[in-house]
PDB file of N, CA and C in Angstrom:
ATOM      1  N   MET A   1       4.643   7.868 -10.809  1.00  0.00           N
ATOM      2  CA  MET A   1       4.532   7.086 -12.003  1.00  0.00           C
ATOM      3  C   MET A   1       5.376   7.695 -13.119  1.00  0.00           C
ATOM      4  N   GLU A   2       5.466   9.007 -13.132  1.00  0.00           N
ATOM      5  CA  GLU A   2       6.248   9.654 -14.182  1.00  0.00           C
ATOM      6  C   GLU A   2       7.714   9.251 -14.116  1.00  0.00           C
ATOM      7  N   GLU A   3       8.260   9.152 -12.893  1.00  0.00           N
ATOM      8  CA  GLU A   3       9.671   8.775 -12.743  1.00  0.00           C
ATOM      9  C   GLU A   3       9.953   7.404 -13.332  1.00  0.00           C
ATOM     10  N   ARG A   4       8.983   6.524 -13.253  1.00  0.00           N
ATOM     11  CA  ARG A   4       9.149   5.162 -13.776  1.00  0.00           C
ATOM     12  C   ARG A   4       8.614   5.027 -15.202  1.00  0.00           C
ATOM     13  N   ASN A   5       8.010   6.114 -15.675  1.00  0.00           N
ATOM     14  CA  ASN A   5       7.412   6.110 -17.009  1.00  0.00           C
ATOM     15  C   ASN A   5       6.314   5.052 -17.119  1.00  0.00           C
ATOM     16  N   TRP A   6       5.512   4.935 -16.044  1.00  0.00           N
ATOM     17  CA  TRP A   6       4.429   3.963 -15.984  1.00  0.00           C
ATOM     18  C   TRP A   6       3.110   4.619 -16.371  1.00  0.00           C
ATOM     19  N   THR A   7       2.272   3.875 -17.040  1.00  0.00           N
ATOM     20  CA  THR A   7       0.901   4.286 -17.319  1.00  0.00           C
ATOM     21  C   THR A   7       0.004   3.754 -16.203  1.00  0.00           C
ATOM     22  N   ASP A   8      -1.259   4.171 -16.229  1.00  0.00           N
ATOM     23  CA  ASP A   8      -2.233   3.618 -15.275  1.00  0.00           C
ATOM     24  C   ASP A   8      -2.307   2.101 -15.413  1.00  0.00           C
ATOM     25  N   TYR A   9      -2.280   1.658 -16.657  1.00  0.00           N
ATOM     26  CA  TYR A   9      -2.362   0.219 -16.924  1.00  0.00           C
ATOM     27  C   TYR A   9      -1.174  -0.516 -16.316  1.00  0.00           C
ATOM     28  N   ARG A  10       0.020   0.043 -16.465  1.00  0.00           N
ATOM     29  CA  ARG A  10       1.227  -0.600 -15.925  1.00  0.00           C
ATOM     30  C   ARG A  10       1.161  -0.669 -14.405  1.00  0.00           C
ATOM     31  N   LEU A  11       0.722   0.412 -13.762  1.00  0.00           N
ATOM     32  CA  LEU A  11       0.595   0.398 -12.307  1.00  0.00           C
ATOM     33  C   LEU A  11      -0.403  -0.669 -11.875  1.00  0.00           C
ATOM     34  N   ALA A  12      -1.525  -0.752 -12.566  1.00  0.00           N
ATOM     35  CA  ALA A  12      -2.529  -1.767 -12.229  1.00  0.00           C
ATOM     36  C   ALA A  12      -1.927  -3.160 -12.329  1.00  0.00           C
ATOM     37  N   LYS A  13      -1.173  -3.398 -13.380  1.00  0.00           N
ATOM     38  CA  LYS A  13      -0.555  -4.712 -13.575  1.00  0.00           C
ATOM     39  C   LYS A  13       0.473  -5.001 -12.481  1.00  0.00           C
ATOM     40  N   GLU A  14       1.346  -4.039 -12.191  1.00  0.00           N
ATOM     41  CA  GLU A  14       2.393  -4.229 -11.176  1.00  0.00           C
ATOM     42  C   GLU A  14       1.802  -4.405  -9.775  1.00  0.00           C
ATOM     43  N   ALA A  15       0.682  -3.722  -9.506  1.00  0.00           N
ATOM     44  CA  ALA A  15       0.053  -3.783  -8.186  1.00  0.00           C
ATOM     45  C   ALA A  15      -0.981  -4.897  -8.085  1.00  0.00           C
ATOM     46  N   ASN A  16      -1.200  -5.618  -9.192  1.00  0.00           N
ATOM     47  CA  ASN A  16      -2.206  -6.682  -9.229  1.00  0.00           C
ATOM     48  C   ASN A  16      -3.596  -6.149  -8.875  1.00  0.00           C
ATOM     49  N   LEU A  17      -3.925  -4.995  -9.471  1.00  0.00           N
ATOM     50  CA  LEU A  17      -5.220  -4.357  -9.278  1.00  0.00           C
ATOM     51  C   LEU A  17      -5.926  -4.263 -10.623  1.00  0.00           C
ATOM     52  N   SER A  18      -7.227  -4.057 -10.581  1.00  0.00           N
ATOM     53  CA  SER A  18      -7.938  -3.848 -11.842  1.00  0.00           C
ATOM     54  C   SER A  18      -7.581  -2.465 -12.382  1.00  0.00           C
ATOM     55  N   HIS A  19      -7.605  -2.353 -13.696  1.00  0.00           N
ATOM     56  CA  HIS A  19      -7.296  -1.067 -14.319  1.00  0.00           C
ATOM     57  C   HIS A  19      -8.305  -0.008 -13.882  1.00  0.00           C
ATOM     58  N   SER A  20      -9.566  -0.399 -13.721  1.00  0.00           N
ATOM     59  CA  SER A  20     -10.591   0.570 -13.309  1.00  0.00           C
ATOM     60  C   SER A  20     -10.330   1.103 -11.898  1.00  0.00           C
ATOM     61  N   THR A  21      -9.804   0.274 -11.011  1.00  0.00           N
ATOM     62  CA  THR A  21      -9.475   0.728  -9.656  1.00  0.00           C
ATOM     63  C   THR A  21      -8.431   1.831  -9.709  1.00  0.00           C
ATOM     64  N   VAL A  22      -7.383   1.616 -10.483  1.00  0.00           N
ATOM     65  CA  VAL A  22      -6.312   2.610 -10.593  1.00  0.00           C
ATOM     66  C   VAL A  22      -6.824   3.867 -11.287  1.00  0.00           C
ATOM     67  N   THR A  23      -7.572   3.700 -12.356  1.00  0.00           N
ATOM     68  CA  THR A  23      -8.103   4.850 -13.088  1.00  0.00           C
ATOM     69  C   THR A  23      -9.018   5.687 -12.204  1.00  0.00           C
ATOM     70  N   ASN A  24      -9.857   5.038 -11.417  1.00  0.00           N
ATOM     71  CA  ASN A  24     -10.762   5.769 -10.523  1.00  0.00           C
ATOM     72  C   ASN A  24     -10.010   6.566  -9.469  1.00  0.00           C
ATOM     73  N   MET A  25      -8.880   6.057  -8.999  1.00  0.00           N
ATOM     74  CA  MET A  25      -8.091   6.801  -8.010  1.00  0.00           C
ATOM     75  C   MET A  25      -7.637   8.139  -8.583  1.00  0.00           C
ATOM     76  N   PHE A  26      -7.246   8.135  -9.842  1.00  0.00           N
ATOM     77  CA  PHE A  26      -6.690   9.341 -10.449  1.00  0.00           C
ATOM     78  C   PHE A  26      -7.747  10.225 -11.109  1.00  0.00           C
ATOM     79  N   ASN A  27      -8.659   9.639 -11.851  1.00  0.00           N
ATOM     80  CA  ASN A  27      -9.610  10.429 -12.630  1.00  0.00           C
ATOM     81  C   ASN A  27     -10.829  10.886 -11.847  1.00  0.00           C
ATOM     82  N   ARG A  28     -11.228  10.113 -10.875  1.00  0.00           N
ATOM     83  CA  ARG A  28     -12.416  10.468 -10.092  1.00  0.00           C
ATOM     84  C   ARG A  28     -12.055  10.919  -8.686  1.00  0.00           C
ATOM     85  N   ASN A  29     -10.779  10.967  -8.406  1.00  0.00           N
ATOM     86  CA  ASN A  29     -10.293  11.341  -7.075  1.00  0.00           C
ATOM     87  C   ASN A  29     -10.901  10.481  -5.979  1.00  0.00           C
ATOM     88  N   ASN A  30     -11.130   9.207  -6.287  1.00  0.00           N
ATOM     89  CA  ASN A  30     -11.620   8.270  -5.276  1.00  0.00           C
ATOM     90  C   ASN A  30     -10.480   7.918  -4.330  1.00  0.00           C
ATOM     91  N   ALA A  31     -10.750   7.973  -3.040  1.00  0.00           N
ATOM     92  CA  ALA A  31      -9.740   7.582  -2.061  1.00  0.00           C
ATOM     93  C   ALA A  31      -9.591   6.065  -2.099  1.00  0.00           C
ATOM     94  N   PRO A  32      -8.371   5.567  -2.197  1.00  0.00           N
ATOM     95  CA  PRO A  32      -8.175   4.114  -2.252  1.00  0.00           C
ATOM     96  C   PRO A  32      -8.412   3.472  -0.892  1.00  0.00           C
ATOM     97  N   THR A  33      -8.803   2.216  -0.921  1.00  0.00           N
ATOM     98  CA  THR A  33      -8.923   1.455   0.320  1.00  0.00           C
ATOM     99  C   THR A  33      -7.514   1.134   0.811  1.00  0.00           C
ATOM    100  N   LEU A  34      -7.406   0.719   2.054  1.00  0.00           N
ATOM    101  CA  LEU A  34      -6.097   0.364   2.598  1.00  0.00           C
ATOM    102  C   LEU A  34      -5.447  -0.775   1.817  1.00  0.00           C
ATOM    103  N   PRO A  35      -6.180  -1.851   1.488  1.00  0.00           N
ATOM    104  CA  PRO A  35      -5.550  -2.910   0.685  1.00  0.00           C
ATOM    105  C   PRO A  35      -5.074  -2.416  -0.684  1.00  0.00           C
ATOM    106  N   THR A  36      -5.832  -1.509  -1.302  1.00  0.00           N
ATOM    107  CA  THR A  36      -5.410  -0.948  -2.593  1.00  0.00           C
ATOM    108  C   THR A  36      -4.143  -0.133  -2.419  1.00  0.00           C
ATOM    109  N   LEU A  37      -4.109   0.682  -1.387  1.00  0.00           N
ATOM    110  CA  LEU A  37      -2.931   1.503  -1.124  1.00  0.00           C
ATOM    111  C   LEU A  37      -1.710   0.635  -0.836  1.00  0.00           C
ATOM    112  N   GLU A  38      -1.912  -0.451  -0.095  1.00  0.00           N
ATOM    113  CA  GLU A  38      -0.813  -1.382   0.170  1.00  0.00           C
ATOM    114  C   GLU A  38      -0.292  -1.994  -1.124  1.00  0.00           C
ATOM    115  N   ALA A  39      -1.197  -2.348  -2.016  1.00  0.00           N
ATOM    116  CA  ALA A  39      -0.795  -2.944  -3.296  1.00  0.00           C
ATOM    117  C   ALA A  39       0.003  -1.951  -4.129  1.00  0.00           C
ATOM    118  N   VAL A  40      -0.426  -0.703  -4.141  1.00  0.00           N
ATOM    119  CA  VAL A  40       0.299   0.337  -4.882  1.00  0.00           C
ATOM    120  C   VAL A  40       1.683   0.540  -4.268  1.00  0.00           C
ATOM    121  N   CYS A  41       1.749   0.587  -2.949  1.00  0.00           N
ATOM    122  CA  CYS A  41       3.048   0.752  -2.281  1.00  0.00           C
ATOM    123  C   CYS A  41       3.983  -0.409  -2.610  1.00  0.00           C
ATOM    124  N   ARG A  42       3.466  -1.629  -2.583  1.00  0.00           N
ATOM    125  CA  ARG A  42       4.290  -2.791  -2.935  1.00  0.00           C
ATOM    126  C   ARG A  42       4.810  -2.668  -4.359  1.00  0.00           C
ATOM    127  N   ALA A  43       3.947  -2.215  -5.272  1.00  0.00           N
ATOM    128  CA  ALA A  43       4.355  -2.067  -6.674  1.00  0.00           C
ATOM    129  C   ALA A  43       5.507  -1.080  -6.805  1.00  0.00           C
ATOM    130  N   PHE A  44       5.491  -0.040  -5.981  1.00  0.00           N
ATOM    131  CA  PHE A  44       6.553   0.963  -6.025  1.00  0.00           C
ATOM    132  C   PHE A  44       7.729   0.622  -5.111  1.00  0.00           C
ATOM    133  N   GLY A  45       7.600  -0.471  -4.369  1.00  0.00           N
ATOM    134  CA  GLY A  45       8.696  -0.897  -3.505  1.00  0.00           C
ATOM    135  C   GLY A  45       8.881  -0.041  -2.272  1.00  0.00           C
ATOM    136  N   ILE A  46       7.765   0.492  -1.747  1.00  0.00           N
ATOM    137  CA  ILE A  46       7.830   1.302  -0.535  1.00  0.00           C
ATOM    138  C   ILE A  46       6.830   0.769   0.486  1.00  0.00           C
ATOM    139  N   THR A  47       6.990   1.194   1.729  1.00  0.00           N
ATOM    140  CA  THR A  47       6.057   0.819   2.789  1.00  0.00           C
ATOM    141  C   THR A  47       4.978   1.887   2.909  1.00  0.00           C
ATOM    142  N   LEU A  48       3.922   1.557   3.638  1.00  0.00           N
ATOM    143  CA  LEU A  48       2.892   2.557   3.906  1.00  0.00           C
ATOM    144  C   LEU A  48       3.468   3.733   4.691  1.00  0.00           C
ATOM    145  N   ALA A  49       4.368   3.455   5.609  1.00  0.00           N
ATOM    146  CA  ALA A  49       4.994   4.525   6.394  1.00  0.00           C
ATOM    147  C   ALA A  49       5.749   5.485   5.483  1.00  0.00           C
ATOM    148  N   GLN A  50       6.464   4.948   4.519  1.00  0.00           N
ATOM    149  CA  GLN A  50       7.181   5.805   3.581  1.00  0.00           C
ATOM    150  C   GLN A  50       6.205   6.617   2.737  1.00  0.00           C
ATOM    151  N   PHE A  51       5.102   6.015   2.348  1.00  0.00           N
ATOM    152  CA  PHE A  51       4.095   6.725   1.563  1.00  0.00           C
ATOM    153  C   PHE A  51       3.545   7.916   2.339  1.00  0.00           C
ATOM    154  N   PHE A  52       3.226   7.693   3.609  1.00  0.00           N
ATOM    155  CA  PHE A  52       2.629   8.749   4.417  1.00  0.00           C
ATOM    156  C   PHE A  52       3.649   9.743   4.964  1.00  0.00           C
ATOM    157  N   ALA A  53       4.921   9.505   4.745  1.00  0.00           N
ATOM    158  CA  ALA A  53       5.954  10.420   5.233  1.00  0.00           C
ATOM    159  C   ALA A  53       5.971  11.724   4.443  1.00  0.00           C
ATOM    160  N   GLU A  54       5.245  11.800   3.332  1.00  0.00           N
ATOM    161  CA  GLU A  54       5.115  13.011   2.523  1.00  0.00           C
ATOM    162  C   GLU A  54       6.460  13.619   2.162  1.00  0.00           C
ATOM    163  N   GLY A  55       7.301  12.823   1.560  1.00  0.00           N
ATOM    164  CA  GLY A  55       8.578  13.336   1.087  1.00  0.00           C
ATOM    165  C   GLY A  55       9.705  13.234   2.095  1.00  0.00           C
ATOM    166  N   GLU A  56       9.380  13.015   3.344  1.00  0.00           N
ATOM    167  CA  GLU A  56      10.407  12.847   4.363  1.00  0.00           C
ATOM    168  C   GLU A  56      10.731  11.365   4.486  1.00  0.00           C
ATOM    169  N   GLU A  57      11.972  11.066   4.718  1.00  0.00           N
ATOM    170  CA  GLU A  57      12.373   9.675   4.918  1.00  0.00           C
ATOM    171  C   GLU A  57      11.819   9.197   6.257  1.00  0.00           C
ATOM    172  N   ALA A  58      11.028   8.158   6.226  1.00  0.00           N
ATOM    173  CA  ALA A  58      10.443   7.616   7.448  1.00  0.00           C
ATOM    174  C   ALA A  58      11.530   6.951   8.285  1.00  0.00           C
ATOM    175  N   GLN A  59      11.574   7.299   9.549  1.00  0.00           N
ATOM    176  CA  GLN A  59      12.546   6.717  10.462  1.00  0.00           C
ATOM    177  C   GLN A  59      11.857   5.604  11.247  1.00  0.00           C
ATOM    178  N   LEU A  60      12.056   4.393  10.799  1.00  0.00           N
ATOM    179  CA  LEU A  60      11.440   3.245  11.449  1.00  0.00           C
ATOM    180  C   LEU A  60      12.483   2.470  12.234  1.00  0.00           C
ATOM    181  N   THR A  61      12.060   1.992  13.385  1.00  0.00           N
ATOM    182  CA  THR A  61      12.941   1.124  14.145  1.00  0.00           C
ATOM    183  C   THR A  61      13.009  -0.221  13.432  1.00  0.00           C
ATOM    184  N   GLU A  62      13.957  -1.029  13.817  1.00  0.00           N
ATOM    185  CA  GLU A  62      14.077  -2.362  13.232  1.00  0.00           C
ATOM    186  C   GLU A  62      12.809  -3.178  13.497  1.00  0.00           C
ATOM    187  N   GLU A  63      12.254  -3.012  14.682  1.00  0.00           N
ATOM    188  CA  GLU A  63      11.030  -3.724  15.044  1.00  0.00           C
ATOM    189  C   GLU A  63       9.860  -3.279  14.155  1.00  0.00           C
ATOM    190  N   GLN A  64       9.743  -1.967  13.893  1.00  0.00           N
ATOM    191  CA  GLN A  64       8.681  -1.454  13.031  1.00  0.00           C
ATOM    192  C   GLN A  64       8.855  -1.940  11.593  1.00  0.00           C
ATOM    193  N   GLN A  65      10.079  -1.967  11.112  1.00  0.00           N
ATOM    194  CA  GLN A  65      10.346  -2.459   9.761  1.00  0.00           C
ATOM    195  C   GLN A  65       9.924  -3.922   9.637  1.00  0.00           C
ATOM    196  N   LYS A  66      10.228  -4.701  10.674  1.00  0.00           N
ATOM    197  CA  LYS A  66       9.855  -6.116  10.687  1.00  0.00           C
ATOM    198  C   LYS A  66       8.330  -6.261  10.676  1.00  0.00           C
ATOM    199  N   LEU A  67       7.657  -5.422  11.456  1.00  0.00           N
ATOM    200  CA  LEU A  67       6.198  -5.449  11.524  1.00  0.00           C
ATOM    201  C   LEU A  67       5.579  -5.131  10.162  1.00  0.00           C
ATOM    202  N   PHE A  68       6.041  -4.078   9.511  1.00  0.00           N
ATOM    203  CA  PHE A  68       5.509  -3.712   8.193  1.00  0.00           C
ATOM    204  C   PHE A  68       5.797  -4.791   7.161  1.00  0.00           C
ATOM    205  N   SER A  69       6.958  -5.377   7.246  1.00  0.00           N
ATOM    206  CA  SER A  69       7.317  -6.429   6.303  1.00  0.00           C
ATOM    207  C   SER A  69       6.371  -7.620   6.445  1.00  0.00           C
ATOM    208  N   LYS A  70       6.124  -8.026   7.670  1.00  0.00           N
ATOM    209  CA  LYS A  70       5.225  -9.159   7.908  1.00  0.00           C
ATOM    210  C   LYS A  70       3.785  -8.802   7.551  1.00  0.00           C
ATOM    211  N   TRP A  71       3.373  -7.571   7.860  1.00  0.00           N
ATOM    212  CA  TRP A  71       2.017  -7.114   7.545  1.00  0.00           C
ATOM    213  C   TRP A  71       1.750  -7.237   6.050  1.00  0.00           C
ATOM    214  N   SER A  72       2.710  -6.854   5.235  1.00  0.00           N
ATOM    215  CA  SER A  72       2.546  -6.868   3.782  1.00  0.00           C
ATOM    216  C   SER A  72       2.340  -8.271   3.232  1.00  0.00           C
ATOM    217  N   SER A  73       2.801  -9.273   3.955  1.00  0.00           N
ATOM    218  CA  SER A  73       2.675 -10.644   3.459  1.00  0.00           C
ATOM    219  C   SER A  73       1.392 -11.338   3.930  1.00  0.00           C
ATOM    220  N   LEU A  74       0.620 -10.683   4.790  1.00  0.00           N
ATOM    221  CA  LEU A  74      -0.615 -11.282   5.297  1.00  0.00           C
ATOM    222  C   LEU A  74      -1.741 -11.177   4.278  1.00  0.00           C
ATOM    223  N   THR A  75      -2.684 -12.099   4.369  1.00  0.00           N
ATOM    224  CA  THR A  75      -3.890 -12.006   3.547  1.00  0.00           C
ATOM    225  C   THR A  75      -4.802 -10.941   4.158  1.00  0.00           C
ATOM    226  N   ASP A  76      -5.803 -10.507   3.410  1.00  0.00           N
ATOM    227  CA  ASP A  76      -6.749  -9.521   3.935  1.00  0.00           C
ATOM    228  C   ASP A  76      -7.440 -10.041   5.186  1.00  0.00           C
ATOM    229  N   ARG A  77      -7.783 -11.316   5.191  1.00  0.00           N
ATOM    230  CA  ARG A  77      -8.451 -11.914   6.353  1.00  0.00           C
ATOM    231  C   ARG A  77      -7.521 -11.917   7.569  1.00  0.00           C
ATOM    232  N   GLN A  78      -6.261 -12.274   7.359  1.00  0.00           N
ATOM    233  CA  GLN A  78      -5.301 -12.285   8.464  1.00  0.00           C
ATOM    234  C   GLN A  78      -5.101 -10.874   9.023  1.00  0.00           C
ATOM    235  N   LYS A  79      -5.073  -9.887   8.152  1.00  0.00           N
ATOM    236  CA  LYS A  79      -4.931  -8.497   8.606  1.00  0.00           C
ATOM    237  C   LYS A  79      -6.128  -8.090   9.451  1.00  0.00           C
ATOM    238  N   GLN A  80      -7.325  -8.480   9.011  1.00  0.00           N
ATOM    239  CA  GLN A  80      -8.533  -8.162   9.750  1.00  0.00           C
ATOM    240  C   GLN A  80      -8.497  -8.795  11.141  1.00  0.00           C
ATOM    241  N   ILE A  81      -8.109 -10.055  11.214  1.00  0.00           N
ATOM    242  CA  ILE A  81      -8.026 -10.756  12.499  1.00  0.00           C
ATOM    243  C   ILE A  81      -7.012 -10.080  13.412  1.00  0.00           C
ATOM    244  N   LEU A  82      -5.867  -9.730  12.864  1.00  0.00           N
ATOM    245  CA  LEU A  82      -4.824  -9.087  13.658  1.00  0.00           C
ATOM    246  C   LEU A  82      -5.281  -7.724  14.183  1.00  0.00           C
ATOM    247  N   LEU A  83      -5.953  -6.944  13.347  1.00  0.00           N
ATOM    248  CA  LEU A  83      -6.457  -5.644  13.793  1.00  0.00           C
ATOM    249  C   LEU A  83      -7.495  -5.803  14.892  1.00  0.00           C
ATOM    250  N   GLU A  84      -8.358  -6.801  14.762  1.00  0.00           N
ATOM    251  CA  GLU A  84      -9.355  -7.063  15.803  1.00  0.00           C
ATOM    252  C   GLU A  84      -8.678  -7.467  17.108  1.00  0.00           C
ATOM    253  N   LEU A  85      -7.644  -8.280  17.014  1.00  0.00           N
ATOM    254  CA  LEU A  85      -6.891  -8.685  18.200  1.00  0.00           C
ATOM    255  C   LEU A  85      -6.236  -7.473  18.860  1.00  0.00           C
ATOM    256  N   MET A  86      -5.646  -6.614  18.057  1.00  0.00           N
ATOM    257  CA  MET A  86      -4.987  -5.422  18.603  1.00  0.00           C
ATOM    258  C   MET A  86      -5.994  -4.488  19.267  1.00  0.00           C
ATOM    259  N   ASP A  87      -7.186  -4.370  18.688  1.00  0.00           N
ATOM    260  CA  ASP A  87      -8.228  -3.539  19.294  1.00  0.00           C
ATOM    261  C   ASP A  87      -8.672  -4.100  20.637  1.00  0.00           C
ATOM    262  N   ALA A  88      -8.622  -5.421  20.774  1.00  0.00           N
ATOM    263  CA  ALA A  88      -9.069  -6.071  22.005  1.00  0.00           C
ATOM    264  C   ALA A  88      -8.051  -5.957  23.140  1.00  0.00           C
ATOM    265  N   ILE A  89      -6.814  -5.662  22.791  1.00  0.00           N
ATOM    266  CA  ILE A  89      -5.758  -5.583  23.818  1.00  0.00           C
ATOM    267  C   ILE A  89      -5.874  -4.289  24.599  1.00  0.00           C
TER     268      ILE A  89
END
């Protein structure tokens, strides 16, 4: 956030999250839910893989990039259905 000169409020607005959700992540050290983390990543223009790469550039195949791109556009319900389907395979 410092690199972009964003406040908690700005991040909440860019990520389409409530200000209290963002504030709780930082001030109370609450672990964000996966949908919250996805929203924050979208606001910063990165994928979840890039977020979890911990400073290393994530090496994704073209197929993986396509998967993450499509995943980000799904609704929460669609993501839940897809995860259940994948668990069943």
